[in-house]
Structures are given as C-alpha cells and as structure tokens.
Amino acid sequence: MAGLTAWADTRGVVTARTRVLILVGVVLIAAAGGGSSLLSRPSHDPGADTSPFPVGLTFTRAEWSKVTAKLGRLGFDRAKLRVVSGMRLQTPNRAFGLVRAISATRGVCFVPVHGVQPGSPTCSVGGNLEKPLLVFAASDRWGGHIATDVIGVGPRWLTGVSMIDQRGFESGVALIPSDKLLSFAGGYGDSKLVVRARTASGRIAAQVKLP
C-alpha cells in the first residue's frame, strides 16, 4: 500500500485509458470503454452510520472491531473514529479504508487501513490537510487483470479530481463531502496512475503518481 501527499506540479504526464469505479454512497459505478455497468459492494454492517462512507461499506463487523482496538492502542479515541473513504479489494476480498482518528497529543489524523492493519497516520493539530491532496493506493486484481484501488481526501476548495492511466485517458471521480473535506474512492484497471486535482479556475492544485 502506498500513501502519498502531493502539491502543484504542472509537468507533462504520460496518461492512459482507465476503467473507473466511482463510489457514490453505497454504490460503485464501473465505466470501461464505451459502456458502463452498475456494481454493488456488499454492505456488511451499516447500522445507523449515515456518513458518505459507512463503516459497513468497507469493513465487516469483525474487521472494524480489530481496527478500532489497534487504533485505540495507538492512542486514538475509539469513540471518535470515522471512515472518510474506503472500499473493498476484489482479490483478495479485503478492506481498504481511510480512517479519521483523533489523538490528544497528535490532533486530527488520517490513517490508511489495509485489511485490519493501520498504516502511518498523517496528522495536524488543526485538523486541516497541510497539502491539497492525500492519496493512498492498493494493488487489486479483477478477474485476473491487474488493477489499482485509490482512496483519498482533499480540501473543500477543490472542484475536481481525476485519474489518468498509462495510455492517456483521464476519468473524473466523484467528490463526496465528508466532515470538512472532500472524499473520493475508485478502482482503475491499470497498475500505474496519475491523480490530479484542480481548482475552479482549472489550475492543477495537486498531482501525484501512483505507485
């Protein structure tokens, strides 16, 4: 799993065609070539969670219990943990999520979780991102084909985030308000991607290459 922050970068990028899974609520829309199909991910334990990324969309009850226990041991308030972006990898069937966590000493943090294993947190005392884009990626396989799943967050002033693959095709991803941020998640049929964020004027505010 790769975690990357990015800043403005206007260098030319070799890009390509992308199969996109756009997460909107509890539904993923997969677009490939000239057609599209509707795919639903199983919601394991949504409960009363009405956030744009309910826990049950990404984690099973057993998985979430393990994740909260581990984050609690790391000093985060278990009662305030919130999934701000996430999805399930197809192969293997495993959780891939971004959790907002609060610590008395580190402030507000964003912790990537692969399966039930928390990664390195990105923290700020004020709870704001220090850079315009926070992105994490995980390798996946769709029916034997290599894919990349991407989760992330950005500030509310962003107006667009897109993924560009090795053949030059660019696909936008849905931006979903989550707390004071915009969240996004998607799966793409390529092993290398460029994630690009723009402002209302069309300026590239952030860009990062994955992996």
Protein backbone atom coordinates (compact mmCIF):
# COMPACT_ATOMS: atom_id res chain seq x y z
CA MET A 1 0.00 0.00 0.00
CA ALA A 2 1.38 3.36 -0.98
CA GLY A 3 0.49 6.64 0.71
CA LEU A 4 1.39 9.90 -0.94
CA THR A 5 0.77 13.60 -0.48
CA ALA A 6 1.07 15.89 -3.44
CA TRP A 7 1.39 19.54 -4.38
CA ALA A 8 1.09 21.58 -7.53
CA ASP A 9 3.07 20.13 -10.39
CA THR A 10 2.48 21.23 -13.98
CA ARG A 11 4.92 18.87 -15.67
CA GLY A 12 3.61 16.87 -18.61
CA VAL A 13 2.39 13.41 -17.79
CA VAL A 14 2.08 10.33 -19.98
CA THR A 15 -1.51 9.20 -19.32
CA ALA A 16 -3.87 6.45 -20.42
CA ARG A 17 -7.26 4.74 -20.66
CA THR A 18 -8.90 3.90 -17.34
CA ARG A 19 -11.62 1.64 -16.11
CA VAL A 20 -13.23 3.59 -13.31
CA LEU A 21 -15.18 2.55 -10.28
CA ILE A 22 -16.74 5.69 -8.82
CA LEU A 23 -18.08 5.40 -5.32
CA VAL A 24 -21.34 7.29 -4.72
CA GLY A 25 -22.93 6.45 -1.39
CA VAL A 26 -23.03 2.65 -1.22
CA VAL A 27 -22.86 2.09 -4.97
CA LEU A 28 -19.87 1.80 -7.28
CA ILE A 29 -20.28 2.68 -10.93
CA ALA A 30 -17.73 0.95 -13.17
CA ALA A 31 -17.06 2.54 -16.54
CA ALA A 32 -14.97 0.70 -19.08
CA GLY A 33 -14.51 1.57 -22.73
CA GLY A 34 -17.70 2.97 -24.23
CA GLY A 35 -20.11 1.20 -21.85
CA SER A 36 -20.79 1.12 -18.16
CA SER A 37 -22.23 -1.28 -15.63
CA LEU A 38 -23.57 -0.91 -12.12
CA LEU A 39 -21.78 -2.83 -9.41
CA SER A 40 -22.81 -3.01 -5.77
CA ARG A 41 -20.40 -3.83 -2.98
CA PRO A 42 -21.90 -5.77 -0.07
CA SER A 43 -22.70 -3.60 2.93
CA HIS A 44 -21.75 -5.75 5.89
CA ASP A 45 -22.84 -3.74 8.90
CA PRO A 46 -24.09 -0.25 8.04
CA GLY A 47 -26.11 0.09 11.23
CA ALA A 48 -27.02 3.69 11.93
CA ASP A 49 -23.94 5.08 10.18
CA THR A 50 -25.24 7.62 7.66
CA SER A 51 -21.85 9.08 6.66
CA PRO A 52 -20.92 9.10 2.94
CA PHE A 53 -18.62 6.14 3.67
CA PRO A 54 -20.41 3.95 6.24
CA VAL A 55 -18.20 1.55 8.17
CA GLY A 56 -20.15 -1.38 6.78
CA LEU A 57 -19.27 -0.48 3.19
CA THR A 58 -15.59 -1.10 3.82
CA PHE A 59 -15.22 -3.24 6.95
CA THR A 60 -17.06 -6.24 8.31
CA ARG A 61 -18.09 -6.03 11.96
CA ALA A 62 -15.19 -8.30 12.98
CA GLU A 63 -12.68 -6.31 10.93
CA TRP A 64 -13.83 -2.97 12.35
CA SER A 65 -13.60 -4.33 15.88
CA LYS A 66 -9.95 -5.25 15.28
CA VAL A 67 -9.19 -1.91 13.63
CA THR A 68 -10.69 0.13 16.48
CA ALA A 69 -8.81 -1.96 19.05
CA LYS A 70 -5.49 -1.39 17.26
CA LEU A 71 -6.08 2.33 16.83
CA GLY A 72 -7.08 2.58 20.47
CA ARG A 73 -3.76 1.04 21.49
CA LEU A 74 -2.04 3.66 19.34
CA GLY A 75 -3.59 6.42 21.45
CA PHE A 76 -6.61 7.35 19.31
CA ASP A 77 -10.06 7.92 20.78
CA ARG A 78 -12.04 4.83 19.72
CA ALA A 79 -15.36 6.66 20.10
CA LYS A 80 -14.39 9.27 17.50
CA LEU A 81 -13.06 7.04 14.73
CA ARG A 82 -14.72 7.71 11.36
CA VAL A 83 -14.24 6.17 7.92
CA VAL A 84 -13.83 9.07 5.47
CA SER A 85 -13.01 6.99 2.37
CA GLY A 86 -12.91 3.30 1.62
CA MET A 87 -13.78 0.27 -0.47
CA ARG A 88 -13.12 -3.45 -0.59
CA LEU A 89 -10.43 -5.01 -2.73
CA GLN A 90 -11.80 -7.72 -5.02
CA THR A 91 -8.78 -10.04 -4.85
CA PRO A 92 -8.23 -10.70 -2.07
CA ASN A 93 -11.56 -9.71 -0.53
CA ARG A 94 -10.09 -7.26 1.93
CA ALA A 95 -10.90 -3.86 3.41
CA PHE A 96 -9.06 -0.76 2.21
CA GLY A 97 -10.07 2.37 4.08
CA LEU A 98 -9.01 5.79 5.32
CA VAL A 99 -9.96 6.50 8.92
CA ARG A 100 -10.17 9.89 10.60
CA ALA A 101 -8.81 9.50 14.12
CA ILE A 102 -8.31 11.95 16.98
CA SER A 103 -5.43 11.89 19.42
CA ALA A 104 -4.89 14.14 22.44
CA THR A 105 -1.24 14.59 21.50
CA ARG A 106 -1.29 14.46 17.69
CA GLY A 107 -4.58 16.15 16.89
CA VAL A 108 -6.67 15.01 13.94
CA CYS A 109 -5.07 12.21 11.93
CA PHE A 110 -5.88 10.27 8.77
CA VAL A 111 -4.89 6.62 8.99
CA PRO A 112 -4.88 4.27 5.98
CA VAL A 113 -6.01 0.75 6.84
CA HIS A 114 -5.28 -2.26 4.62
CA GLY A 115 -7.22 -5.28 5.82
CA VAL A 116 -7.15 -4.66 9.56
CA GLN A 117 -3.63 -3.22 9.70
CA PRO A 118 -3.32 0.56 10.27
CA GLY A 119 -0.61 2.38 8.33
CA SER A 120 1.30 5.53 9.18
CA PRO A 121 -1.00 8.41 10.18
CA THR A 122 -0.95 11.88 8.63
CA CYS A 123 -1.76 14.35 11.41
CA SER A 124 -2.34 18.05 12.01
CA VAL A 125 -3.22 19.92 15.19
CA GLY A 126 -5.97 21.94 13.48
CA GLY A 127 -7.38 19.00 11.54
CA ASN A 128 -6.67 20.57 8.15
CA LEU A 129 -4.58 18.95 5.44
CA GLU A 130 -1.23 20.65 5.04
CA LYS A 131 -1.19 19.82 1.32
CA PRO A 132 -4.03 19.77 -1.24
CA LEU A 133 -4.28 16.01 -1.64
CA LEU A 134 -3.84 12.92 0.50
CA VAL A 135 -3.93 9.71 -1.56
CA PHE A 136 -3.38 6.02 -0.85
CA ALA A 137 -3.32 3.13 -3.31
CA ALA A 138 -3.52 -0.64 -3.14
CA SER A 139 -2.96 -3.29 -5.80
CA ASP A 140 -6.00 -5.34 -6.79
CA ARG A 141 -6.96 -7.95 -9.38
CA TRP A 142 -10.19 -8.04 -11.37
CA GLY A 143 -10.74 -11.42 -12.98
CA GLY A 144 -7.01 -11.94 -13.41
CA HIS A 145 -6.32 -8.37 -14.57
CA ILE A 146 -4.10 -6.00 -12.58
CA ALA A 147 -5.92 -3.02 -11.09
CA THR A 148 -5.29 -0.22 -8.62
CA ASP A 149 -7.72 0.92 -5.94
CA VAL A 150 -7.39 4.53 -4.77
CA ILE A 151 -8.77 6.27 -1.69
CA GLY A 152 -8.16 9.81 -0.53
CA VAL A 153 -9.30 13.19 0.72
CA GLY A 154 -8.78 16.81 -0.25
CA PRO A 155 -9.91 20.28 0.91
CA ARG A 156 -13.36 21.64 0.10
CA TRP A 157 -11.99 24.21 -2.35
CA LEU A 158 -11.04 21.53 -4.87
CA THR A 159 -13.55 21.24 -7.72
CA GLY A 160 -12.29 18.11 -9.45
CA VAL A 161 -10.10 15.04 -9.01
CA SER A 162 -9.26 12.77 -11.92
CA MET A 163 -7.27 9.59 -12.55
CA ILE A 164 -5.10 9.22 -15.64
CA ASP A 165 -3.66 5.90 -16.74
CA GLN A 166 -0.69 4.97 -18.93
CA ARG A 167 -2.49 5.36 -22.27
CA GLY A 168 -3.60 8.94 -21.71
CA PHE A 169 -7.25 8.51 -20.77
CA GLU A 170 -8.48 10.72 -17.95
CA SER A 171 -11.53 9.90 -15.82
CA GLY A 172 -13.08 12.03 -13.12
CA VAL A 173 -14.00 10.63 -9.73
CA ALA A 174 -16.96 11.68 -7.59
CA LEU A 175 -16.09 14.08 -4.76
CA ILE A 176 -18.18 13.46 -1.66
CA PRO A 177 -18.38 15.97 1.24
CA SER A 178 -17.11 14.34 4.44
CA ASP A 179 -16.60 16.46 7.55
CA LYS A 180 -14.60 19.49 6.41
CA LEU A 181 -13.10 17.65 3.44
CA LEU A 182 -13.94 16.07 0.11
CA SER A 183 -13.52 12.31 -0.06
CA PHE A 184 -13.12 10.02 -3.06
CA ALA A 185 -12.52 6.37 -3.86
CA GLY A 186 -12.28 4.33 -7.02
CA GLY A 187 -10.81 1.30 -8.73
CA TYR A 188 -8.90 1.54 -12.02
CA GLY A 189 -7.77 -1.12 -14.49
CA ASP A 190 -4.13 -0.11 -14.59
CA SER A 191 -1.06 -0.60 -12.42
CA LYS A 192 0.19 2.99 -12.76
CA LEU A 193 -1.91 6.11 -12.38
CA VAL A 194 -1.63 9.86 -12.05
CA VAL A 195 -4.03 11.50 -9.60
CA ARG A 196 -4.72 15.12 -10.46
CA ALA A 197 -6.72 17.73 -8.52
CA ARG A 198 -7.95 21.04 -9.92
CA THR A 199 -9.40 24.31 -8.62
CA ALA A 200 -12.44 26.13 -10.02
CA SER A 201 -10.20 28.04 -12.44
CA GLY A 202 -8.88 24.79 -13.90
CA ARG A 203 -5.47 25.17 -12.29
CA ILE A 204 -3.74 21.96 -11.25
CA ALA A 205 -3.54 22.23 -7.47
CA ALA A 206 -2.01 18.83 -6.85
CA GLN A 207 -0.70 15.88 -8.76
CA VAL A 208 0.79 12.56 -7.71
CA LYS A 209 1.96 9.45 -9.50
CA LEU A 210 0.97 6.00 -8.23
CA PRO A 211 2.59 3.80 -7.21
